[in-house]
Amino acid sequence: MKNFLSSIIIIITASALLQQFLPWWSMAIAAFAVGYFIKQKSFTAFLSGFVAVFLLWSGYAFFLSAANDNLLAIRVAELLPLNGRVWLLLTVTGTVGGLVSGFASLSGNLAAGLRQK
């Protein structure tokens, strides 16, 4: 449990810092590194990467969307088959980032397992 929470905190912090200067996929680099260096089971590694970036991206999208009274988010949600539901758009945003980060963290975890053999 301690490794799980510390992984989430490190991935959130590193991803937020890297995404200030690098492209969106730089959070996968942070998740891979955390998955590589912090020993966890495979599912826990995936889950920590997923949860960290899901919270980061959903929270940041909510923060940006709330600043303009959800005007752009409502329009984007209407373009997509979401029927104008902003909360669903924020969930989809977090899920996409979470999947990328989760698989990157899992890949780092599995690469660390290969190193030990």
C-alpha atoms as a PDB file:
ATOM      1  CA  MET A   1       0.000   0.000   0.000  1.00  0.00           C
ATOM      2  CA  LYS A   2       2.878   2.343   0.791  1.00  0.00           C
ATOM      3  CA  ASN A   3       4.440   1.716  -2.640  1.00  0.00           C
ATOM      4  CA  PHE A   4       1.065   2.221  -4.315  1.00  0.00           C
ATOM      5  CA  LEU A   5       0.456   5.635  -2.760  1.00  0.00           C
ATOM      6  CA  SER A   6       4.032   6.778  -3.228  1.00  0.00           C
ATOM      7  CA  SER A   7       3.879   5.711  -6.896  1.00  0.00           C
ATOM      8  CA  ILE A   8       0.726   7.746  -7.423  1.00  0.00           C
ATOM      9  CA  ILE A   9       2.225  10.831  -5.803  1.00  0.00           C
ATOM     10  CA  ILE A  10       5.494  10.550  -7.738  1.00  0.00           C
ATOM     11  CA  ILE A  11       3.729   9.987 -11.077  1.00  0.00           C
ATOM     12  CA  ILE A  12       1.389  12.938 -10.516  1.00  0.00           C
ATOM     13  CA  THR A  13       4.267  15.233  -9.556  1.00  0.00           C
ATOM     14  CA  ALA A  14       6.624  14.126 -12.327  1.00  0.00           C
ATOM     15  CA  SER A  15       3.888  14.148 -14.970  1.00  0.00           C
ATOM     16  CA  ALA A  16       2.713  17.617 -14.026  1.00  0.00           C
ATOM     17  CA  LEU A  17       6.267  18.936 -14.214  1.00  0.00           C
ATOM     18  CA  LEU A  18       7.154  17.198 -17.470  1.00  0.00           C
ATOM     19  CA  GLN A  19       3.964  18.265 -19.221  1.00  0.00           C
ATOM     20  CA  GLN A  20       4.794  21.910 -18.590  1.00  0.00           C
ATOM     21  CA  PHE A  21       7.731  21.647 -20.999  1.00  0.00           C
ATOM     22  CA  LEU A  22       7.256  18.493 -23.073  1.00  0.00           C
ATOM     23  CA  PRO A  23       4.384  16.995 -25.133  1.00  0.00           C
ATOM     24  CA  TRP A  24       1.380  15.280 -23.582  1.00  0.00           C
ATOM     25  CA  TRP A  25       2.928  11.819 -23.819  1.00  0.00           C
ATOM     26  CA  SER A  26       5.789  12.772 -21.496  1.00  0.00           C
ATOM     27  CA  MET A  27       3.678  11.473 -18.612  1.00  0.00           C
ATOM     28  CA  ALA A  28       4.291   8.000 -20.032  1.00  0.00           C
ATOM     29  CA  ILE A  29       8.018   8.516 -19.451  1.00  0.00           C
ATOM     30  CA  ALA A  30       7.384   9.366 -15.804  1.00  0.00           C
ATOM     31  CA  ALA A  31       5.042   6.404 -15.355  1.00  0.00           C
ATOM     32  CA  PHE A  32       7.513   4.036 -17.020  1.00  0.00           C
ATOM     33  CA  ALA A  33      10.323   5.221 -14.741  1.00  0.00           C
ATOM     34  CA  VAL A  34       8.203   4.823 -11.618  1.00  0.00           C
ATOM     35  CA  GLY A  35       7.062   1.391 -12.745  1.00  0.00           C
ATOM     36  CA  TYR A  36      10.676   0.428 -13.370  1.00  0.00           C
ATOM     37  CA  PHE A  37      12.151   1.619 -10.075  1.00  0.00           C
ATOM     38  CA  ILE A  38       9.356   0.972  -7.563  1.00  0.00           C
ATOM     39  CA  LYS A  39       8.730  -2.715  -6.933  1.00  0.00           C
ATOM     40  CA  GLN A  40       5.046  -3.632  -7.234  1.00  0.00           C
ATOM     41  CA  LYS A  41       2.898  -6.402  -8.609  1.00  0.00           C
ATOM     42  CA  SER A  42       1.893  -5.963 -12.243  1.00  0.00           C
ATOM     43  CA  PHE A  43      -1.738  -5.039 -11.610  1.00  0.00           C
ATOM     44  CA  THR A  44      -0.759  -2.588  -8.874  1.00  0.00           C
ATOM     45  CA  ALA A  45       1.779  -0.957 -11.194  1.00  0.00           C
ATOM     46  CA  PHE A  46      -0.874  -0.539 -13.898  1.00  0.00           C
ATOM     47  CA  LEU A  47      -3.419   0.753 -11.396  1.00  0.00           C
ATOM     48  CA  SER A  48      -1.043   3.296  -9.861  1.00  0.00           C
ATOM     49  CA  GLY A  49      -0.196   4.717 -13.293  1.00  0.00           C
ATOM     50  CA  PHE A  50      -3.844   4.780 -14.323  1.00  0.00           C
ATOM     51  CA  VAL A  51      -5.119   6.416 -11.131  1.00  0.00           C
ATOM     52  CA  ALA A  52      -2.350   9.017 -11.045  1.00  0.00           C
ATOM     53  CA  VAL A  53      -2.867  10.379 -14.541  1.00  0.00           C
ATOM     54  CA  PHE A  54      -6.639   9.945 -14.400  1.00  0.00           C
ATOM     55  CA  LEU A  55      -6.702  12.229 -11.352  1.00  0.00           C
ATOM     56  CA  LEU A  56      -4.173  14.633 -12.868  1.00  0.00           C
ATOM     57  CA  TRP A  57      -5.862  15.012 -16.254  1.00  0.00           C
ATOM     58  CA  SER A  58      -9.440  15.011 -14.964  1.00  0.00           C
ATOM     59  CA  GLY A  59      -8.583  17.503 -12.256  1.00  0.00           C
ATOM     60  CA  TYR A  60      -6.702  19.794 -14.599  1.00  0.00           C
ATOM     61  CA  ALA A  61      -9.441  19.595 -17.233  1.00  0.00           C
ATOM     62  CA  PHE A  62     -12.035  20.427 -14.568  1.00  0.00           C
ATOM     63  CA  PHE A  63      -9.918  23.355 -13.366  1.00  0.00           C
ATOM     64  CA  LEU A  64      -9.571  24.759 -16.896  1.00  0.00           C
ATOM     65  CA  SER A  65     -13.203  24.107 -17.746  1.00  0.00           C
ATOM     66  CA  ALA A  66     -14.562  25.702 -14.584  1.00  0.00           C
ATOM     67  CA  ALA A  67     -12.561  28.852 -15.301  1.00  0.00           C
ATOM     68  CA  ASN A  68     -14.734  29.615 -18.349  1.00  0.00           C
ATOM     69  CA  ASP A  69     -18.060  28.231 -17.049  1.00  0.00           C
ATOM     70  CA  ASN A  70     -17.657  25.043 -19.127  1.00  0.00           C
ATOM     71  CA  LEU A  71     -18.359  26.894 -22.402  1.00  0.00           C
ATOM     72  CA  LEU A  72     -15.780  25.066 -24.502  1.00  0.00           C
ATOM     73  CA  ALA A  73     -16.339  21.734 -22.742  1.00  0.00           C
ATOM     74  CA  ILE A  74     -20.074  21.878 -23.464  1.00  0.00           C
ATOM     75  CA  ARG A  75     -19.406  22.499 -27.149  1.00  0.00           C
ATOM     76  CA  VAL A  76     -16.855  19.704 -27.381  1.00  0.00           C
ATOM     77  CA  ALA A  77     -19.218  17.345 -25.534  1.00  0.00           C
ATOM     78  CA  GLU A  78     -21.906  18.201 -28.081  1.00  0.00           C
ATOM     79  CA  LEU A  79     -19.549  17.413 -30.975  1.00  0.00           C
ATOM     80  CA  LEU A  80     -18.749  14.025 -29.504  1.00  0.00           C
ATOM     81  CA  PRO A  81     -21.571  11.569 -28.809  1.00  0.00           C
ATOM     82  CA  LEU A  82     -21.761  12.717 -25.167  1.00  0.00           C
ATOM     83  CA  ASN A  83     -24.986  14.756 -25.430  1.00  0.00           C
ATOM     84  CA  GLY A  84     -23.386  17.835 -23.881  1.00  0.00           C
ATOM     85  CA  ARG A  85     -22.471  16.131 -20.585  1.00  0.00           C
ATOM     86  CA  VAL A  86     -19.311  17.821 -19.393  1.00  0.00           C
ATOM     87  CA  TRP A  87     -18.646  15.345 -16.570  1.00  0.00           C
ATOM     88  CA  LEU A  88     -18.551  12.529 -19.141  1.00  0.00           C
ATOM     89  CA  LEU A  89     -16.066  14.483 -21.259  1.00  0.00           C
ATOM     90  CA  LEU A  90     -13.821  14.956 -18.214  1.00  0.00           C
ATOM     91  CA  THR A  91     -14.088  11.237 -17.463  1.00  0.00           C
ATOM     92  CA  VAL A  92     -13.141  10.312 -21.040  1.00  0.00           C
ATOM     93  CA  THR A  93     -10.198  12.715 -20.881  1.00  0.00           C
ATOM     94  CA  GLY A  94      -8.930  11.155 -17.664  1.00  0.00           C
ATOM     95  CA  THR A  95      -9.469   7.631 -18.955  1.00  0.00           C
ATOM     96  CA  VAL A  96      -7.433   8.200 -22.116  1.00  0.00           C
ATOM     97  CA  GLY A  97      -4.511   9.612 -20.153  1.00  0.00           C
ATOM     98  CA  GLY A  98      -4.891   6.969 -17.474  1.00  0.00           C
ATOM     99  CA  LEU A  99      -4.708   4.121 -19.972  1.00  0.00           C
ATOM    100  CA  VAL A 100      -1.536   5.485 -21.561  1.00  0.00           C
ATOM    101  CA  SER A 101       0.078   5.995 -18.178  1.00  0.00           C
ATOM    102  CA  GLY A 102      -1.135   2.685 -16.799  1.00  0.00           C
ATOM    103  CA  PHE A 103       0.330   0.718 -19.686  1.00  0.00           C
ATOM    104  CA  ALA A 104       3.581   2.708 -19.455  1.00  0.00           C
ATOM    105  CA  SER A 105       3.842   1.926 -15.744  1.00  0.00           C
ATOM    106  CA  LEU A 106       3.081  -1.740 -16.403  1.00  0.00           C
ATOM    107  CA  SER A 107       5.745  -1.800 -19.129  1.00  0.00           C
ATOM    108  CA  GLY A 108       8.290  -0.331 -16.730  1.00  0.00           C
ATOM    109  CA  ASN A 109       7.346  -2.914 -14.121  1.00  0.00           C
ATOM    110  CA  LEU A 110       7.724  -5.776 -16.588  1.00  0.00           C
ATOM    111  CA  ALA A 111      11.034  -4.394 -17.873  1.00  0.00           C
ATOM    112  CA  ALA A 112      12.335  -4.331 -14.302  1.00  0.00           C
ATOM    113  CA  GLY A 113      11.316  -7.970 -13.973  1.00  0.00           C
ATOM    114  CA  LEU A 114      13.359  -8.824 -17.079  1.00  0.00           C
ATOM    115  CA  ARG A 115      16.349  -7.002 -15.628  1.00  0.00           C
ATOM    116  CA  GLN A 116      16.284  -9.178 -12.508  1.00  0.00           C
ATOM    117  CA  LYS A 117      16.285 -12.473 -14.429  1.00  0.00           C
END
